[in-house]
Amino acid sequence: MSDVKLDPMKYKNKKLTKENNELHYQLMKLKEDTSFKDIKWKTVFKSLEDEKRDLKFLLSQKENTQPNHPPLSQEIQKQGPGFESQKRDKEWAESLRKAD
């Protein structure tokens, strides 16, 4: 083939090769960006999963350490004012009875 017939093909080949290289570069860049984002989100997800696990553990510890009944101070508050003095009065009266 003569150079006259090959020149348009060489030009087209050069143009297509350049376009192919640019597309390949863009594709590689997108894969790299996607990979970076994927790693970032997986790291964030794992961190949140760890935090969730820790919070569940703390909650179970808190539930296991709390008694099933309210503290005595809450019981006294429910009885209203004077409950403590009534209790002391009963104890004093019982101690007097025992002394007789």
N, C-alpha and C. Protein backbone atom coordinates (compact mmCIF):
# COMPACT_ATOMS: atom_id res chain seq x y z
N MET A 1 0.84 -1.18 0.00
CA MET A 1 0.00 0.00 0.00
C MET A 1 0.87 1.23 0.00
N SER A 2 0.34 2.19 -0.56
CA SER A 2 1.11 3.43 -0.66
C SER A 2 0.88 4.28 0.58
N ASP A 3 1.80 5.21 0.76
CA ASP A 3 1.71 6.11 1.90
C ASP A 3 0.47 6.99 1.83
N VAL A 4 0.00 7.26 0.68
CA VAL A 4 -1.19 8.09 0.51
C VAL A 4 -2.41 7.38 1.11
N LYS A 5 -2.49 6.07 0.92
CA LYS A 5 -3.61 5.31 1.46
C LYS A 5 -3.44 5.07 2.96
N LEU A 6 -2.22 5.01 3.44
CA LEU A 6 -1.96 4.73 4.85
C LEU A 6 -2.07 5.98 5.74
N ASP A 7 -1.82 7.13 5.19
CA ASP A 7 -1.83 8.36 5.99
C ASP A 7 -3.17 8.58 6.72
N PRO A 8 -4.31 8.47 6.06
CA PRO A 8 -5.57 8.65 6.79
C PRO A 8 -5.75 7.59 7.90
N MET A 9 -5.30 6.36 7.62
CA MET A 9 -5.42 5.30 8.63
C MET A 9 -4.49 5.56 9.81
N LYS A 10 -3.29 6.02 9.52
CA LYS A 10 -2.35 6.34 10.60
C LYS A 10 -2.91 7.45 11.48
N TYR A 11 -3.47 8.47 10.83
CA TYR A 11 -4.06 9.58 11.57
C TYR A 11 -5.21 9.08 12.46
N LYS A 12 -6.10 8.27 11.90
CA LYS A 12 -7.24 7.75 12.63
C LYS A 12 -6.76 6.83 13.77
N ASN A 13 -5.77 6.02 13.51
CA ASN A 13 -5.23 5.14 14.54
C ASN A 13 -4.62 5.95 15.69
N LYS A 14 -3.89 6.99 15.35
CA LYS A 14 -3.27 7.85 16.35
C LYS A 14 -4.35 8.51 17.20
N LYS A 15 -5.39 8.99 16.55
CA LYS A 15 -6.51 9.65 17.24
C LYS A 15 -7.23 8.66 18.16
N LEU A 16 -7.50 7.45 17.68
CA LEU A 16 -8.19 6.44 18.48
C LEU A 16 -7.33 5.96 19.66
N THR A 17 -6.05 5.85 19.44
CA THR A 17 -5.14 5.44 20.51
C THR A 17 -5.11 6.49 21.62
N LYS A 18 -5.06 7.76 21.23
CA LYS A 18 -5.08 8.84 22.20
C LYS A 18 -6.39 8.83 23.00
N GLU A 19 -7.51 8.67 22.30
CA GLU A 19 -8.82 8.63 22.96
C GLU A 19 -8.90 7.42 23.91
N ASN A 20 -8.39 6.28 23.46
CA ASN A 20 -8.39 5.08 24.27
C ASN A 20 -7.57 5.28 25.55
N ASN A 21 -6.41 5.90 25.42
CA ASN A 21 -5.55 6.17 26.57
C ASN A 21 -6.23 7.11 27.57
N GLU A 22 -6.90 8.12 27.06
CA GLU A 22 -7.62 9.06 27.93
C GLU A 22 -8.76 8.35 28.68
N LEU A 23 -9.50 7.53 27.95
CA LEU A 23 -10.59 6.78 28.59
C LEU A 23 -10.07 5.80 29.64
N HIS A 24 -8.97 5.17 29.30
CA HIS A 24 -8.35 4.23 30.24
C HIS A 24 -7.90 4.98 31.51
N TYR A 25 -7.31 6.14 31.36
CA TYR A 25 -6.87 6.95 32.49
C TYR A 25 -8.07 7.34 33.37
N GLN A 26 -9.16 7.78 32.72
CA GLN A 26 -10.36 8.15 33.47
C GLN A 26 -10.92 6.96 34.23
N LEU A 27 -10.93 5.81 33.58
CA LEU A 27 -11.44 4.60 34.22
C LEU A 27 -10.59 4.24 35.44
N MET A 28 -9.28 4.29 35.28
CA MET A 28 -8.39 3.97 36.40
C MET A 28 -8.57 4.97 37.55
N LYS A 29 -8.73 6.23 37.21
CA LYS A 29 -8.95 7.27 38.23
C LYS A 29 -10.26 7.01 38.98
N LEU A 30 -11.32 6.66 38.25
CA LEU A 30 -12.60 6.36 38.88
C LEU A 30 -12.50 5.14 39.81
N LYS A 31 -11.79 4.12 39.36
CA LYS A 31 -11.62 2.92 40.19
C LYS A 31 -10.86 3.27 41.47
N GLU A 32 -9.83 4.09 41.32
CA GLU A 32 -9.03 4.49 42.48
C GLU A 32 -9.89 5.29 43.47
N ASP A 33 -10.65 6.25 42.96
CA ASP A 33 -11.53 7.06 43.81
C ASP A 33 -12.58 6.19 44.50
N THR A 34 -13.16 5.28 43.75
CA THR A 34 -14.17 4.39 44.30
C THR A 34 -13.57 3.50 45.37
N SER A 35 -12.39 3.00 45.12
CA SER A 35 -11.72 2.14 46.09
C SER A 35 -11.43 2.90 47.38
N PHE A 36 -10.96 4.13 47.24
CA PHE A 36 -10.67 4.96 48.40
C PHE A 36 -11.94 5.22 49.20
N LYS A 37 -13.03 5.57 48.52
CA LYS A 37 -14.30 5.83 49.20
C LYS A 37 -14.83 4.56 49.86
N ASP A 38 -14.68 3.45 49.19
CA ASP A 38 -15.14 2.17 49.74
C ASP A 38 -14.40 1.85 51.03
N ILE A 39 -13.10 2.02 51.03
CA ILE A 39 -12.29 1.78 52.22
C ILE A 39 -12.71 2.73 53.34
N LYS A 40 -12.92 4.00 52.97
CA LYS A 40 -13.32 5.00 53.96
C LYS A 40 -14.65 4.61 54.61
N TRP A 41 -15.64 4.26 53.83
CA TRP A 41 -16.95 3.93 54.37
C TRP A 41 -16.93 2.62 55.16
N LYS A 42 -16.11 1.67 54.71
CA LYS A 42 -15.98 0.43 55.47
C LYS A 42 -15.36 0.71 56.84
N THR A 43 -14.40 1.61 56.89
CA THR A 43 -13.77 1.98 58.15
C THR A 43 -14.77 2.67 59.07
N VAL A 44 -15.54 3.60 58.51
CA VAL A 44 -16.56 4.29 59.30
C VAL A 44 -17.60 3.29 59.81
N PHE A 45 -18.03 2.39 58.94
CA PHE A 45 -19.02 1.38 59.31
C PHE A 45 -18.49 0.50 60.44
N LYS A 46 -17.26 0.05 60.33
CA LYS A 46 -16.67 -0.80 61.36
C LYS A 46 -16.59 -0.04 62.68
N SER A 47 -16.21 1.22 62.61
CA SER A 47 -16.14 2.04 63.82
C SER A 47 -17.51 2.15 64.48
N LEU A 48 -18.54 2.37 63.68
CA LEU A 48 -19.90 2.47 64.23
C LEU A 48 -20.37 1.13 64.78
N GLU A 49 -20.03 0.05 64.12
CA GLU A 49 -20.38 -1.28 64.63
C GLU A 49 -19.70 -1.53 65.98
N ASP A 50 -18.43 -1.14 66.10
CA ASP A 50 -17.71 -1.31 67.36
C ASP A 50 -18.36 -0.48 68.47
N GLU A 51 -18.70 0.75 68.13
CA GLU A 51 -19.35 1.63 69.11
C GLU A 51 -20.70 1.04 69.54
N LYS A 52 -21.45 0.53 68.59
CA LYS A 52 -22.74 -0.10 68.89
C LYS A 52 -22.56 -1.28 69.82
N ARG A 53 -21.57 -2.12 69.53
CA ARG A 53 -21.29 -3.29 70.37
C ARG A 53 -20.92 -2.86 71.79
N ASP A 54 -20.07 -1.82 71.90
CA ASP A 54 -19.67 -1.33 73.21
C ASP A 54 -20.86 -0.78 73.99
N LEU A 55 -21.73 -0.04 73.32
CA LEU A 55 -22.90 0.52 73.99
C LEU A 55 -23.86 -0.58 74.44
N LYS A 56 -24.03 -1.61 73.63
CA LYS A 56 -24.88 -2.73 74.02
C LYS A 56 -24.29 -3.43 75.26
N PHE A 57 -22.98 -3.58 75.28
CA PHE A 57 -22.32 -4.21 76.42
C PHE A 57 -22.53 -3.37 77.68
N LEU A 58 -22.32 -2.05 77.57
CA LEU A 58 -22.51 -1.18 78.73
C LEU A 58 -23.96 -1.21 79.22
N LEU A 59 -24.89 -1.24 78.29
CA LEU A 59 -26.30 -1.30 78.66
C LEU A 59 -26.61 -2.60 79.39
N SER A 60 -26.08 -3.72 78.90
CA SER A 60 -26.33 -4.99 79.57
C SER A 60 -25.69 -5.00 80.96
N GLN A 61 -24.51 -4.39 81.10
CA GLN A 61 -23.87 -4.30 82.41
C GLN A 61 -24.71 -3.47 83.36
N LYS A 62 -25.23 -2.37 82.86
CA LYS A 62 -26.06 -1.49 83.69
C LYS A 62 -27.33 -2.21 84.12
N GLU A 63 -27.96 -2.93 83.20
CA GLU A 63 -29.19 -3.65 83.52
C GLU A 63 -28.93 -4.78 84.52
N ASN A 64 -27.77 -5.41 84.43
CA ASN A 64 -27.45 -6.50 85.34
C ASN A 64 -27.07 -6.02 86.74
N THR A 65 -26.58 -4.79 86.86
CA THR A 65 -26.16 -4.29 88.17
C THR A 65 -27.29 -3.59 88.91
N GLN A 66 -28.34 -3.20 88.22
CA GLN A 66 -29.45 -2.52 88.88
C GLN A 66 -30.36 -3.55 89.53
N PRO A 67 -30.77 -3.31 90.78
CA PRO A 67 -31.69 -4.24 91.42
C PRO A 67 -33.08 -4.16 90.78
N ASN A 68 -33.88 -5.19 90.99
CA ASN A 68 -35.22 -5.22 90.43
C ASN A 68 -36.19 -4.34 91.21
N HIS A 69 -35.79 -3.88 92.38
CA HIS A 69 -36.66 -3.01 93.17
C HIS A 69 -36.03 -1.63 93.26
N PRO A 70 -36.86 -0.61 93.50
CA PRO A 70 -36.30 0.75 93.58
C PRO A 70 -35.48 0.91 94.86
N PRO A 71 -34.56 1.84 94.87
CA PRO A 71 -33.76 2.07 96.07
C PRO A 71 -34.64 2.50 97.24
N LEU A 72 -34.15 2.29 98.45
CA LEU A 72 -34.89 2.62 99.66
C LEU A 72 -35.26 4.10 99.70
N SER A 73 -34.38 4.96 99.22
CA SER A 73 -34.68 6.39 99.24
C SER A 73 -35.93 6.70 98.43
N GLN A 74 -36.15 5.98 97.35
CA GLN A 74 -37.37 6.19 96.56
C GLN A 74 -38.59 5.69 97.31
N GLU A 75 -38.45 4.58 98.04
CA GLU A 75 -39.56 4.06 98.84
C GLU A 75 -39.93 5.05 99.92
N ILE A 76 -38.95 5.64 100.56
CA ILE A 76 -39.21 6.63 101.61
C ILE A 76 -39.92 7.84 101.02
N GLN A 77 -39.49 8.29 99.86
CA GLN A 77 -40.14 9.44 99.22
C GLN A 77 -41.59 9.12 98.87
N LYS A 78 -41.89 7.87 98.48
CA LYS A 78 -43.26 7.48 98.16
C LYS A 78 -44.15 7.56 99.39
N GLN A 79 -43.59 7.25 100.55
CA GLN A 79 -44.38 7.24 101.78
C GLN A 79 -44.76 8.66 102.22
N GLY A 80 -44.04 9.61 101.73
CA GLY A 80 -44.35 11.00 102.06
C GLY A 80 -43.53 11.50 103.23
N PRO A 81 -43.69 12.78 103.55
CA PRO A 81 -42.92 13.37 104.65
C PRO A 81 -43.36 12.76 105.98
N GLY A 82 -42.45 12.67 106.89
CA GLY A 82 -42.76 12.14 108.21
C GLY A 82 -42.57 10.64 108.31
N PHE A 83 -42.34 9.96 107.19
CA PHE A 83 -42.18 8.51 107.22
C PHE A 83 -41.01 8.12 108.11
N GLU A 84 -39.93 8.86 108.01
CA GLU A 84 -38.74 8.55 108.81
C GLU A 84 -39.04 8.72 110.30
N SER A 85 -39.73 9.81 110.65
CA SER A 85 -40.02 10.03 112.07
C SER A 85 -40.99 8.99 112.60
N GLN A 86 -41.97 8.55 111.77
CA GLN A 86 -42.91 7.50 112.18
C GLN A 86 -42.14 6.21 112.44
N LYS A 87 -41.20 5.91 111.59
CA LYS A 87 -40.40 4.70 111.74
C LYS A 87 -39.59 4.77 113.03
N ARG A 88 -38.98 5.92 113.31
CA ARG A 88 -38.20 6.08 114.54
C ARG A 88 -39.11 5.95 115.76
N ASP A 89 -40.30 6.53 115.67
CA ASP A 89 -41.24 6.46 116.80
C ASP A 89 -41.63 5.01 117.09
N LYS A 90 -41.89 4.21 116.04
CA LYS A 90 -42.25 2.80 116.22
C LYS A 90 -41.09 2.04 116.85
N GLU A 91 -39.86 2.30 116.35
CA GLU A 91 -38.69 1.63 116.90
C GLU A 91 -38.50 2.00 118.38
N TRP A 92 -38.72 3.25 118.73
CA TRP A 92 -38.58 3.72 120.11
C TRP A 92 -39.61 3.06 121.01
N ALA A 93 -40.88 2.99 120.46
CA ALA A 93 -41.94 2.36 121.24
C ALA A 93 -41.65 0.88 121.45
N GLU A 94 -41.15 0.20 120.45
CA GLU A 94 -40.81 -1.23 120.60
C GLU A 94 -39.69 -1.42 121.58
N SER A 95 -38.72 -0.55 121.57
CA SER A 95 -37.60 -0.67 122.52
C SER A 95 -38.09 -0.45 123.95
N LEU A 96 -39.08 0.46 124.15
CA LEU A 96 -39.63 0.67 125.49
C LEU A 96 -40.38 -0.57 125.97
N ARG A 97 -41.17 -1.19 125.07
CA ARG A 97 -41.90 -2.39 125.41
C ARG A 97 -40.97 -3.52 125.82
N LYS A 98 -39.89 -3.65 125.07
CA LYS A 98 -38.93 -4.71 125.38
C LYS A 98 -38.24 -4.47 126.73
N ALA A 99 -38.06 -3.19 127.06
CA ALA A 99 -37.39 -2.85 128.31
C ALA A 99 -38.27 -3.17 129.51
N ASP A 100 -39.60 -3.10 129.35
CA ASP A 100 -40.52 -3.38 130.48
C ASP A 100 -40.52 -4.79 130.77
